[in-house]
Amino acid sequence: RENFAEGRRPPCLGVEGDEAPRKPRKAVKPMSSPDPSPSPAEEWDAGEMGCGDLVLELRLRLSRLAPGGELRVLARDPGAPEDIPAWCRLTGHALVESKPPLYRIRRKES
């Protein structure tokens, strides 16, 4: 039992003395996402981190994800549009989306 003062109901439960039965609510269908891809497992704002530090941190963050997991990265370094795709090709991780400064990387399966 809730700890309400005797005879008083909170406003969310209706007006005092309103004892009319309420209609059952209809089941609500979940909204479908326009983008069928799964949401990223992790997000990271790399800021203006440069090439060497950027790829070392990418390696560390992807190693924490399960195989097939995704990392969404915000990288504003001017070299990132070249560095991130090249790093993905070299390491075997999939660059799912590249819309600088946003990137989505899927960890390789093994």
PDB file of N, CA and C in Angstrom:
ATOM      1  N   ARG A   1       0.833  -1.175   0.000  1.00  0.00           N
ATOM      2  CA  ARG A   1       0.000   0.000   0.000  1.00  0.00           C
ATOM      3  C   ARG A   1       0.880   1.241   0.000  1.00  0.00           C
ATOM      4  N   GLU A   2       0.526   2.190  -0.837  1.00  0.00           N
ATOM      5  CA  GLU A   2       1.266   3.438  -0.901  1.00  0.00           C
ATOM      6  C   GLU A   2       1.059   4.251   0.368  1.00  0.00           C
ATOM      7  N   ASN A   3       1.974   5.103   0.690  1.00  0.00           N
ATOM      8  CA  ASN A   3       1.891   5.931   1.889  1.00  0.00           C
ATOM      9  C   ASN A   3       1.215   7.270   1.592  1.00  0.00           C
ATOM     10  N   PHE A   4      -0.048   7.221   1.184  1.00  0.00           N
ATOM     11  CA  PHE A   4      -0.815   8.438   0.954  1.00  0.00           C
ATOM     12  C   PHE A   4      -1.643   8.727   2.196  1.00  0.00           C
ATOM     13  N   ALA A   5      -1.908   9.997   2.430  1.00  0.00           N
ATOM     14  CA  ALA A   5      -2.777  10.364   3.554  1.00  0.00           C
ATOM     15  C   ALA A   5      -4.140   9.725   3.333  1.00  0.00           C
ATOM     16  N   GLU A   6      -4.795   9.298   4.396  1.00  0.00           N
ATOM     17  CA  GLU A   6      -6.090   8.636   4.285  1.00  0.00           C
ATOM     18  C   GLU A   6      -7.067   9.455   3.452  1.00  0.00           C
ATOM     19  N   GLY A   7      -7.695   8.811   2.502  1.00  0.00           N
ATOM     20  CA  GLY A   7      -8.727   9.449   1.700  1.00  0.00           C
ATOM     21  C   GLY A   7      -8.194  10.342   0.594  1.00  0.00           C
ATOM     22  N   ARG A   8      -6.894  10.509   0.459  1.00  0.00           N
ATOM     23  CA  ARG A   8      -6.346  11.383  -0.587  1.00  0.00           C
ATOM     24  C   ARG A   8      -5.654  10.524  -1.629  1.00  0.00           C
ATOM     25  N   ARG A   9      -5.851  10.873  -2.872  1.00  0.00           N
ATOM     26  CA  ARG A   9      -5.208  10.155  -3.974  1.00  0.00           C
ATOM     27  C   ARG A   9      -4.350  11.135  -4.733  1.00  0.00           C
ATOM     28  N   PRO A  10      -3.226  10.687  -5.249  1.00  0.00           N
ATOM     29  CA  PRO A  10      -2.419  11.584  -6.070  1.00  0.00           C
ATOM     30  C   PRO A  10      -3.150  11.905  -7.369  1.00  0.00           C
ATOM     31  N   PRO A  11      -2.869  13.064  -7.981  1.00  0.00           N
ATOM     32  CA  PRO A  11      -3.566  13.471  -9.200  1.00  0.00           C
ATOM     33  C   PRO A  11      -3.451  12.461 -10.341  1.00  0.00           C
ATOM     34  N   CYS A  12      -2.370  11.716 -10.387  1.00  0.00           N
ATOM     35  CA  CYS A  12      -2.198  10.774 -11.488  1.00  0.00           C
ATOM     36  C   CYS A  12      -3.193   9.622 -11.422  1.00  0.00           C
ATOM     37  N   LEU A  13      -3.818   9.410 -10.267  1.00  0.00           N
ATOM     38  CA  LEU A  13      -4.784   8.320 -10.123  1.00  0.00           C
ATOM     39  C   LEU A  13      -6.214   8.788 -10.323  1.00  0.00           C
ATOM     40  N   GLY A  14      -6.420  10.032 -10.684  1.00  0.00           N
ATOM     41  CA  GLY A  14      -7.758  10.542 -10.949  1.00  0.00           C
ATOM     42  C   GLY A  14      -8.238  11.458  -9.849  1.00  0.00           C
ATOM     43  N   VAL A  15      -9.375  12.018 -10.082  1.00  0.00           N
ATOM     44  CA  VAL A  15      -9.968  12.937  -9.133  1.00  0.00           C
ATOM     45  C   VAL A  15     -10.520  12.150  -7.951  1.00  0.00           C
ATOM     46  N   GLU A  16     -10.402  12.728  -6.751  1.00  0.00           N
ATOM     47  CA  GLU A  16     -10.931  12.049  -5.574  1.00  0.00           C
ATOM     48  C   GLU A  16     -12.403  11.740  -5.780  1.00  0.00           C
ATOM     49  N   GLY A  17     -12.818  10.562  -5.390  1.00  0.00           N
ATOM     50  CA  GLY A  17     -14.204  10.164  -5.520  1.00  0.00           C
ATOM     51  C   GLY A  17     -14.540   9.634  -6.897  1.00  0.00           C
ATOM     52  N   ASP A  18     -13.623   9.700  -7.837  1.00  0.00           N
ATOM     53  CA  ASP A  18     -13.854   9.196  -9.194  1.00  0.00           C
ATOM     54  C   ASP A  18     -13.630   7.688  -9.165  1.00  0.00           C
ATOM     55  N   GLU A  19     -14.684   6.942  -9.027  1.00  0.00           N
ATOM     56  CA  GLU A  19     -14.573   5.490  -8.907  1.00  0.00           C
ATOM     57  C   GLU A  19     -15.051   4.779 -10.167  1.00  0.00           C
ATOM     58  N   ALA A  20     -15.236   5.537 -11.256  1.00  0.00           N
ATOM     59  CA  ALA A  20     -15.714   4.927 -12.500  1.00  0.00           C
ATOM     60  C   ALA A  20     -14.659   3.957 -13.018  1.00  0.00           C
ATOM     61  N   PRO A  21     -15.094   2.804 -13.507  1.00  0.00           N
ATOM     62  CA  PRO A  21     -14.115   1.850 -14.038  1.00  0.00           C
ATOM     63  C   PRO A  21     -13.419   2.441 -15.270  1.00  0.00           C
ATOM     64  N   ARG A  22     -12.157   2.171 -15.365  1.00  0.00           N
ATOM     65  CA  ARG A  22     -11.379   2.681 -16.501  1.00  0.00           C
ATOM     66  C   ARG A  22     -11.332   1.644 -17.605  1.00  0.00           C
ATOM     67  N   LYS A  23     -11.304   2.140 -18.833  1.00  0.00           N
ATOM     68  CA  LYS A  23     -11.215   1.235 -19.975  1.00  0.00           C
ATOM     69  C   LYS A  23      -9.811   0.660 -20.033  1.00  0.00           C
ATOM     70  N   PRO A  24      -9.694  -0.613 -20.403  1.00  0.00           N
ATOM     71  CA  PRO A  24      -8.346  -1.174 -20.538  1.00  0.00           C
ATOM     72  C   PRO A  24      -7.617  -0.493 -21.694  1.00  0.00           C
ATOM     73  N   ARG A  25      -6.332  -0.319 -21.527  1.00  0.00           N
ATOM     74  CA  ARG A  25      -5.521   0.306 -22.570  1.00  0.00           C
ATOM     75  C   ARG A  25      -5.237  -0.687 -23.677  1.00  0.00           C
ATOM     76  N   LYS A  26      -5.186  -0.170 -24.888  1.00  0.00           N
ATOM     77  CA  LYS A  26      -4.819  -1.009 -26.028  1.00  0.00           C
ATOM     78  C   LYS A  26      -3.315  -1.225 -26.018  1.00  0.00           C
ATOM     79  N   ALA A  27      -2.913  -2.378 -26.508  1.00  0.00           N
ATOM     80  CA  ALA A  27      -1.484  -2.652 -26.628  1.00  0.00           C
ATOM     81  C   ALA A  27      -0.901  -1.726 -27.683  1.00  0.00           C
ATOM     82  N   VAL A  28       0.241  -1.183 -27.388  1.00  0.00           N
ATOM     83  CA  VAL A  28       0.905  -0.264 -28.306  1.00  0.00           C
ATOM     84  C   VAL A  28       2.017  -1.008 -29.017  1.00  0.00           C
ATOM     85  N   LYS A  29       2.019  -0.915 -30.330  1.00  0.00           N
ATOM     86  CA  LYS A  29       3.076  -1.546 -31.113  1.00  0.00           C
ATOM     87  C   LYS A  29       4.339  -0.699 -31.007  1.00  0.00           C
ATOM     88  N   PRO A  30       5.492  -1.341 -30.870  1.00  0.00           N
ATOM     89  CA  PRO A  30       6.727  -0.562 -30.838  1.00  0.00           C
ATOM     90  C   PRO A  30       6.952   0.089 -32.204  1.00  0.00           C
ATOM     91  N   MET A  31       7.498   1.293 -32.175  1.00  0.00           N
ATOM     92  CA  MET A  31       7.772   2.002 -33.424  1.00  0.00           C
ATOM     93  C   MET A  31       8.923   1.330 -34.139  1.00  0.00           C
ATOM     94  N   SER A  32       8.797   1.204 -35.414  1.00  0.00           N
ATOM     95  CA  SER A  32       9.893   0.630 -36.179  1.00  0.00           C
ATOM     96  C   SER A  32      10.866   1.738 -36.535  1.00  0.00           C
ATOM     97  N   SER A  33      12.119   1.397 -36.490  1.00  0.00           N
ATOM     98  CA  SER A  33      13.165   2.362 -36.785  1.00  0.00           C
ATOM     99  C   SER A  33      13.319   2.471 -38.297  1.00  0.00           C
ATOM    100  N   PRO A  34      13.524   3.685 -38.832  1.00  0.00           N
ATOM    101  CA  PRO A  34      13.741   3.807 -40.269  1.00  0.00           C
ATOM    102  C   PRO A  34      15.061   3.180 -40.692  1.00  0.00           C
ATOM    103  N   ASP A  35      16.018   3.083 -39.767  1.00  0.00           N
ATOM    104  CA  ASP A  35      17.306   2.474 -40.061  1.00  0.00           C
ATOM    105  C   ASP A  35      17.307   1.070 -39.483  1.00  0.00           C
ATOM    106  N   PRO A  36      17.278   0.017 -40.332  1.00  0.00           N
ATOM    107  CA  PRO A  36      17.188  -1.341 -39.817  1.00  0.00           C
ATOM    108  C   PRO A  36      18.452  -1.836 -39.132  1.00  0.00           C
ATOM    109  N   SER A  37      19.554  -1.099 -39.210  1.00  0.00           N
ATOM    110  CA  SER A  37      20.794  -1.556 -38.602  1.00  0.00           C
ATOM    111  C   SER A  37      20.708  -1.445 -37.084  1.00  0.00           C
ATOM    112  N   PRO A  38      21.419  -2.331 -36.376  1.00  0.00           N
ATOM    113  CA  PRO A  38      21.373  -2.281 -34.920  1.00  0.00           C
ATOM    114  C   PRO A  38      22.045  -1.024 -34.391  1.00  0.00           C
ATOM    115  N   SER A  39      21.652  -0.600 -33.212  1.00  0.00           N
ATOM    116  CA  SER A  39      22.281   0.576 -32.632  1.00  0.00           C
ATOM    117  C   SER A  39      23.693   0.206 -32.188  1.00  0.00           C
ATOM    118  N   PRO A  40      24.595   1.158 -32.235  1.00  0.00           N
ATOM    119  CA  PRO A  40      25.977   0.859 -31.858  1.00  0.00           C
ATOM    120  C   PRO A  40      26.077   0.405 -30.408  1.00  0.00           C
ATOM    121  N   ALA A  41      27.019  -0.486 -30.150  1.00  0.00           N
ATOM    122  CA  ALA A  41      27.217  -0.981 -28.800  1.00  0.00           C
ATOM    123  C   ALA A  41      27.911   0.078 -27.951  1.00  0.00           C
ATOM    124  N   GLU A  42      28.701   0.913 -28.573  1.00  0.00           N
ATOM    125  CA  GLU A  42      29.460   1.919 -27.834  1.00  0.00           C
ATOM    126  C   GLU A  42      29.625   3.154 -28.710  1.00  0.00           C
ATOM    127  N   GLU A  43      29.690   4.303 -28.073  1.00  0.00           N
ATOM    128  CA  GLU A  43      29.944   5.551 -28.784  1.00  0.00           C
ATOM    129  C   GLU A  43      31.166   6.217 -28.174  1.00  0.00           C
ATOM    130  N   TRP A  44      31.925   6.896 -29.027  1.00  0.00           N
ATOM    131  CA  TRP A  44      33.143   7.545 -28.560  1.00  0.00           C
ATOM    132  C   TRP A  44      33.354   8.837 -29.322  1.00  0.00           C
ATOM    133  N   ASP A  45      33.582   9.913 -28.589  1.00  0.00           N
ATOM    134  CA  ASP A  45      33.921  11.202 -29.185  1.00  0.00           C
ATOM    135  C   ASP A  45      35.433  11.348 -29.109  1.00  0.00           C
ATOM    136  N   ALA A  46      36.096  11.161 -30.249  1.00  0.00           N
ATOM    137  CA  ALA A  46      37.550  11.225 -30.303  1.00  0.00           C
ATOM    138  C   ALA A  46      38.053  12.656 -30.417  1.00  0.00           C
ATOM    139  N   GLY A  47      37.145  13.598 -30.606  1.00  0.00           N
ATOM    140  CA  GLY A  47      37.550  15.000 -30.715  1.00  0.00           C
ATOM    141  C   GLY A  47      38.489  15.198 -31.887  1.00  0.00           C
ATOM    142  N   GLU A  48      39.596  15.889 -31.639  1.00  0.00           N
ATOM    143  CA  GLU A  48      40.589  16.148 -32.690  1.00  0.00           C
ATOM    144  C   GLU A  48      41.827  15.280 -32.514  1.00  0.00           C
ATOM    145  N   MET A  49      41.661  14.112 -31.910  1.00  0.00           N
ATOM    146  CA  MET A  49      42.767  13.187 -31.699  1.00  0.00           C
ATOM    147  C   MET A  49      43.369  12.789 -33.042  1.00  0.00           C
ATOM    148  N   GLY A  50      44.678  12.858 -33.146  1.00  0.00           N
ATOM    149  CA  GLY A  50      45.370  12.596 -34.407  1.00  0.00           C
ATOM    150  C   GLY A  50      45.596  11.127 -34.690  1.00  0.00           C
ATOM    151  N   CYS A  51      46.174  10.856 -35.835  1.00  0.00           N
ATOM    152  CA  CYS A  51      46.329   9.523 -36.407  1.00  0.00           C
ATOM    153  C   CYS A  51      46.822   8.457 -35.440  1.00  0.00           C
ATOM    154  N   GLY A  52      48.037   8.607 -34.899  1.00  0.00           N
ATOM    155  CA  GLY A  52      48.604   7.561 -34.056  1.00  0.00           C
ATOM    156  C   GLY A  52      47.761   7.275 -32.828  1.00  0.00           C
ATOM    157  N   ASP A  53      47.414   8.315 -32.088  1.00  0.00           N
ATOM    158  CA  ASP A  53      46.598   8.131 -30.892  1.00  0.00           C
ATOM    159  C   ASP A  53      45.202   7.636 -31.247  1.00  0.00           C
ATOM    160  N   LEU A  54      44.667   8.128 -32.345  1.00  0.00           N
ATOM    161  CA  LEU A  54      43.326   7.747 -32.773  1.00  0.00           C
ATOM    162  C   LEU A  54      43.241   6.246 -33.040  1.00  0.00           C
ATOM    163  N   VAL A  55      44.162   5.713 -33.828  1.00  0.00           N
ATOM    164  CA  VAL A  55      44.079   4.290 -34.167  1.00  0.00           C
ATOM    165  C   VAL A  55      44.425   3.392 -32.980  1.00  0.00           C
ATOM    166  N   LEU A  56      45.303   3.842 -32.090  1.00  0.00           N
ATOM    167  CA  LEU A  56      45.588   3.053 -30.888  1.00  0.00           C
ATOM    168  C   LEU A  56      44.354   2.980 -29.994  1.00  0.00           C
ATOM    169  N   GLU A  57      43.656   4.089 -29.849  1.00  0.00           N
ATOM    170  CA  GLU A  57      42.443   4.101 -29.034  1.00  0.00           C
ATOM    171  C   GLU A  57      41.329   3.292 -29.711  1.00  0.00           C
ATOM    172  N   LEU A  58      41.233   3.377 -31.037  1.00  0.00           N
ATOM    173  CA  LEU A  58      40.251   2.558 -31.768  1.00  0.00           C
ATOM    174  C   LEU A  58      40.496   1.077 -31.505  1.00  0.00           C
ATOM    175  N   ARG A  59      41.761   0.680 -31.569  1.00  0.00           N
ATOM    176  CA  ARG A  59      42.117  -0.724 -31.323  1.00  0.00           C
ATOM    177  C   ARG A  59      41.672  -1.156 -29.931  1.00  0.00           C
ATOM    178  N   LEU A  60      41.950  -0.327 -28.937  1.00  0.00           N
ATOM    179  CA  LEU A  60      41.590  -0.651 -27.561  1.00  0.00           C
ATOM    180  C   LEU A  60      40.070  -0.735 -27.392  1.00  0.00           C
ATOM    181  N   ARG A  61      39.354   0.235 -27.919  1.00  0.00           N
ATOM    182  CA  ARG A  61      37.894   0.265 -27.754  1.00  0.00           C
ATOM    183  C   ARG A  61      37.217  -0.889 -28.492  1.00  0.00           C
ATOM    184  N   LEU A  62      37.686  -1.225 -29.697  1.00  0.00           N
ATOM    185  CA  LEU A  62      37.088  -2.348 -30.432  1.00  0.00           C
ATOM    186  C   LEU A  62      37.411  -3.681 -29.763  1.00  0.00           C
ATOM    187  N   SER A  63      38.569  -3.777 -29.128  1.00  0.00           N
ATOM    188  CA  SER A  63      38.923  -5.039 -28.458  1.00  0.00           C
ATOM    189  C   SER A  63      37.995  -5.323 -27.282  1.00  0.00           C
ATOM    190  N   ARG A  64      37.365  -4.289 -26.725  1.00  0.00           N
ATOM    191  CA  ARG A  64      36.427  -4.465 -25.611  1.00  0.00           C
ATOM    192  C   ARG A  64      35.051  -4.941 -26.076  1.00  0.00           C
ATOM    193  N   LEU A  65      34.777  -4.788 -27.372  1.00  0.00           N
ATOM    194  CA  LEU A  65      33.473  -5.182 -27.904  1.00  0.00           C
ATOM    195  C   LEU A  65      33.464  -6.659 -28.264  1.00  0.00           C
ATOM    196  N   ALA A  66      32.289  -7.241 -28.250  1.00  0.00           N
ATOM    197  CA  ALA A  66      32.130  -8.615 -28.712  1.00  0.00           C
ATOM    198  C   ALA A  66      32.309  -8.635 -30.231  1.00  0.00           C
ATOM    199  N   PRO A  67      32.750  -9.751 -30.810  1.00  0.00           N
ATOM    200  CA  PRO A  67      32.841  -9.832 -32.267  1.00  0.00           C
ATOM    201  C   PRO A  67      31.496  -9.469 -32.895  1.00  0.00           C
ATOM    202  N   GLY A  68      31.535  -8.626 -33.912  1.00  0.00           N
ATOM    203  CA  GLY A  68      30.315  -8.155 -34.569  1.00  0.00           C
ATOM    204  C   GLY A  68      29.737  -6.900 -33.922  1.00  0.00           C
ATOM    205  N   GLY A  69      30.268  -6.506 -32.769  1.00  0.00           N
ATOM    206  CA  GLY A  69      29.804  -5.291 -32.090  1.00  0.00           C
ATOM    207  C   GLY A  69      30.219  -4.061 -32.871  1.00  0.00           C
ATOM    208  N   GLU A  70      29.489  -2.975 -32.657  1.00  0.00           N
ATOM    209  CA  GLU A  70      29.769  -1.747 -33.400  1.00  0.00           C
ATOM    210  C   GLU A  70      30.181  -0.615 -32.487  1.00  0.00           C
ATOM    211  N   LEU A  71      31.038   0.228 -33.035  1.00  0.00           N
ATOM    212  CA  LEU A  71      31.512   1.422 -32.355  1.00  0.00           C
ATOM    213  C   LEU A  71      31.171   2.618 -33.228  1.00  0.00           C
ATOM    214  N   ARG A  72      30.501   3.586 -32.646  1.00  0.00           N
ATOM    215  CA  ARG A  72      30.183   4.835 -33.351  1.00  0.00           C
ATOM    216  C   ARG A  72      31.195   5.864 -32.887  1.00  0.00           C
ATOM    217  N   VAL A  73      31.910   6.451 -33.842  1.00  0.00           N
ATOM    218  CA  VAL A  73      33.009   7.358 -33.529  1.00  0.00           C
ATOM    219  C   VAL A  73      32.732   8.732 -34.125  1.00  0.00           C
ATOM    220  N   LEU A  74      32.991   9.760 -33.323  1.00  0.00           N
ATOM    221  CA  LEU A  74      32.959  11.134 -33.789  1.00  0.00           C
ATOM    222  C   LEU A  74      34.403  11.608 -33.781  1.00  0.00           C
ATOM    223  N   ALA A  75      34.994  11.780 -34.962  1.00  0.00           N
ATOM    224  CA  ALA A  75      36.407  12.160 -35.087  1.00  0.00           C
ATOM    225  C   ALA A  75      36.522  13.393 -35.965  1.00  0.00           C
ATOM    226  N   ARG A  76      37.006  14.496 -35.366  1.00  0.00           N
ATOM    227  CA  ARG A  76      37.089  15.764 -36.094  1.00  0.00           C
ATOM    228  C   ARG A  76      38.489  16.099 -36.584  1.00  0.00           C
ATOM    229  N   ASP A  77      39.435  15.192 -36.429  1.00  0.00           N
ATOM    230  CA  ASP A  77      40.778  15.439 -36.941  1.00  0.00           C
ATOM    231  C   ASP A  77      40.718  15.517 -38.459  1.00  0.00           C
ATOM    232  N   PRO A  78      41.418  16.482 -39.082  1.00  0.00           N
ATOM    233  CA  PRO A  78      41.367  16.605 -40.551  1.00  0.00           C
ATOM    234  C   PRO A  78      41.819  15.345 -41.293  1.00  0.00           C
ATOM    235  N   GLY A  79      42.656  14.524 -40.665  1.00  0.00           N
ATOM    236  CA  GLY A  79      43.134  13.305 -41.317  1.00  0.00           C
ATOM    237  C   GLY A  79      42.232  12.100 -41.140  1.00  0.00           C
ATOM    238  N   ALA A  80      41.235  12.204 -40.278  1.00  0.00           N
ATOM    239  CA  ALA A  80      40.369  11.059 -39.973  1.00  0.00           C
ATOM    240  C   ALA A  80      39.667  10.470 -41.196  1.00  0.00           C
ATOM    241  N   PRO A  81      39.194  11.280 -42.169  1.00  0.00           N
ATOM    242  CA  PRO A  81      38.544  10.678 -43.337  1.00  0.00           C
ATOM    243  C   PRO A  81      39.452   9.742 -44.142  1.00  0.00           C
ATOM    244  N   GLU A  82      40.769   9.921 -44.018  1.00  0.00           N
ATOM    245  CA  GLU A  82      41.715   9.016 -44.675  1.00  0.00           C
ATOM    246  C   GLU A  82      42.179   7.915 -43.716  1.00  0.00           C
ATOM    247  N   ASP A  83      42.433   8.296 -42.457  1.00  0.00           N
ATOM    248  CA  ASP A  83      43.019   7.367 -41.486  1.00  0.00           C
ATOM    249  C   ASP A  83      42.078   6.239 -41.088  1.00  0.00           C
ATOM    250  N   ILE A  84      40.835   6.552 -40.794  1.00  0.00           N
ATOM    251  CA  ILE A  84      39.908   5.521 -40.290  1.00  0.00           C
ATOM    252  C   ILE A  84      39.617   4.450 -41.344  1.00  0.00           C
ATOM    253  N   PRO A  85      39.264   4.825 -42.593  1.00  0.00           N
ATOM    254  CA  PRO A  85      39.051   3.770 -43.596  1.00  0.00           C
ATOM    255  C   PRO A  85      40.307   2.925 -43.852  1.00  0.00           C
ATOM    256  N   ALA A  86      41.474   3.579 -43.884  1.00  0.00           N
ATOM    257  CA  ALA A  86      42.717   2.837 -44.115  1.00  0.00           C
ATOM    258  C   ALA A  86      42.983   1.870 -42.969  1.00  0.00           C
ATOM    259  N   TRP A  87      42.773   2.313 -41.734  1.00  0.00           N
ATOM    260  CA  TRP A  87      42.983   1.452 -40.577  1.00  0.00           C
ATOM    261  C   TRP A  87      42.027   0.262 -40.603  1.00  0.00           C
ATOM    262  N   CYS A  88      40.782   0.506 -40.991  1.00  0.00           N
ATOM    263  CA  CYS A  88      39.809  -0.595 -41.076  1.00  0.00           C
ATOM    264  C   CYS A  88      40.235  -1.619 -42.131  1.00  0.00           C
ATOM    265  N   ARG A  89      40.705  -1.144 -43.281  1.00  0.00           N
ATOM    266  CA  ARG A  89      41.173  -2.080 -44.325  1.00  0.00           C
ATOM    267  C   ARG A  89      42.350  -2.907 -43.826  1.00  0.00           C
ATOM    268  N   LEU A  90      43.279  -2.275 -43.116  1.00  0.00           N
ATOM    269  CA  LEU A  90      44.466  -2.986 -42.631  1.00  0.00           C
ATOM    270  C   LEU A  90      44.150  -3.994 -41.533  1.00  0.00           C
ATOM    271  N   THR A  91      43.176  -3.697 -40.709  1.00  0.00           N
ATOM    272  CA  THR A  91      42.886  -4.563 -39.560  1.00  0.00           C
ATOM    273  C   THR A  91      41.772  -5.570 -39.809  1.00  0.00           C
ATOM    274  N   GLY A  92      40.974  -5.371 -40.855  1.00  0.00           N
ATOM    275  CA  GLY A  92      39.880  -6.295 -41.152  1.00  0.00           C
ATOM    276  C   GLY A  92      38.554  -5.933 -40.510  1.00  0.00           C
ATOM    277  N   HIS A  93      38.513  -4.818 -39.776  1.00  0.00           N
ATOM    278  CA  HIS A  93      37.239  -4.358 -39.212  1.00  0.00           C
ATOM    279  C   HIS A  93      36.440  -3.696 -40.334  1.00  0.00           C
ATOM    280  N   ALA A  94      35.118  -3.769 -40.247  1.00  0.00           N
ATOM    281  CA  ALA A  94      34.263  -3.229 -41.307  1.00  0.00           C
ATOM    282  C   ALA A  94      33.884  -1.782 -41.010  1.00  0.00           C
ATOM    283  N   LEU A  95      34.121  -0.920 -41.976  1.00  0.00           N
ATOM    284  CA  LEU A  95      33.667   0.460 -41.878  1.00  0.00           C
ATOM    285  C   LEU A  95      32.248   0.474 -42.424  1.00  0.00           C
ATOM    286  N   VAL A  96      31.266   0.465 -41.526  1.00  0.00           N
ATOM    287  CA  VAL A  96      29.860   0.348 -41.891  1.00  0.00           C
ATOM    288  C   VAL A  96      29.342   1.665 -42.452  1.00  0.00           C
ATOM    289  N   GLU A  97      29.797   2.758 -41.863  1.00  0.00           N
ATOM    290  CA  GLU A  97      29.317   4.072 -42.294  1.00  0.00           C
ATOM    291  C   GLU A  97      30.441   5.083 -42.137  1.00  0.00           C
ATOM    292  N   SER A  98      30.591   5.929 -43.146  1.00  0.00           N
ATOM    293  CA  SER A  98      31.592   6.983 -43.105  1.00  0.00           C
ATOM    294  C   SER A  98      30.961   8.266 -43.622  1.00  0.00           C
ATOM    295  N   LYS A  99      30.540   9.103 -42.686  1.00  0.00           N
ATOM    296  CA  LYS A  99      29.993  10.421 -43.014  1.00  0.00           C
ATOM    297  C   LYS A  99      30.702  11.413 -42.110  1.00  0.00           C
ATOM    298  N   PRO A 100      31.962  11.773 -42.479  1.00  0.00           N
ATOM    299  CA  PRO A 100      32.766  12.611 -41.590  1.00  0.00           C
ATOM    300  C   PRO A 100      31.978  13.794 -41.054  1.00  0.00           C
ATOM    301  N   PRO A 101      32.080  14.012 -39.773  1.00  0.00           N
ATOM    302  CA  PRO A 101      32.998  13.437 -38.780  1.00  0.00           C
ATOM    303  C   PRO A 101      32.467  12.183 -38.079  1.00  0.00           C
ATOM    304  N   LEU A 102      31.380  11.577 -38.586  1.00  0.00           N
ATOM    305  CA  LEU A 102      30.817  10.381 -37.947  1.00  0.00           C
ATOM    306  C   LEU A 102      31.220   9.116 -38.698  1.00  0.00           C
ATOM    307  N   TYR A 103      31.594   8.104 -37.925  1.00  0.00           N
ATOM    308  CA  TYR A 103      31.997   6.814 -38.494  1.00  0.00           C
ATOM    309  C   TYR A 103      31.371   5.712 -37.652  1.00  0.00           C
ATOM    310  N   ARG A 104      31.022   4.602 -38.311  1.00  0.00           N
ATOM    311  CA  ARG A 104      30.518   3.430 -37.599  1.00  0.00           C
ATOM    312  C   ARG A 104      31.363   2.241 -38.027  1.00  0.00           C
ATOM    313  N   ILE A 105      31.971   1.593 -37.044  1.00  0.00           N
ATOM    314  CA  ILE A 105      32.908   0.496 -37.314  1.00  0.00           C
ATOM    315  C   ILE A 105      32.390  -0.765 -36.636  1.00  0.00           C
ATOM    316  N   ARG A 106      32.349  -1.872 -37.390  1.00  0.00           N
ATOM    317  CA  ARG A 106      31.943  -3.163 -36.836  1.00  0.00           C
ATOM    318  C   ARG A 106      33.190  -4.010 -36.598  1.00  0.00           C
ATOM    319  N   ARG A 107      33.303  -4.531 -35.402  1.00  0.00           N
ATOM    320  CA  ARG A 107      34.447  -5.376 -35.060  1.00  0.00           C
ATOM    321  C   ARG A 107      34.407  -6.668 -35.868  1.00  0.00           C
ATOM    322  N   LYS A 108      35.579  -7.086 -36.335  1.00  0.00           N
ATOM    323  CA  LYS A 108      35.640  -8.333 -37.107  1.00  0.00           C
ATOM    324  C   LYS A 108      35.272  -9.503 -36.215  1.00  0.00           C
ATOM    325  N   GLU A 109      34.868 -10.585 -36.845  1.00  0.00           N
ATOM    326  CA  GLU A 109      34.334 -11.744 -36.117  1.00  0.00           C
ATOM    327  C   GLU A 109      35.390 -12.496 -35.303  1.00  0.00           C
ATOM    328  N   SER A 110      36.629 -12.480 -35.741  1.00  0.00           N
ATOM    329  CA  SER A 110      37.628 -13.217 -34.946  1.00  0.00           C
ATOM    330  C   SER A 110      38.874 -12.397 -34.729  1.00  0.00           C
TER     331      SER A 110
END
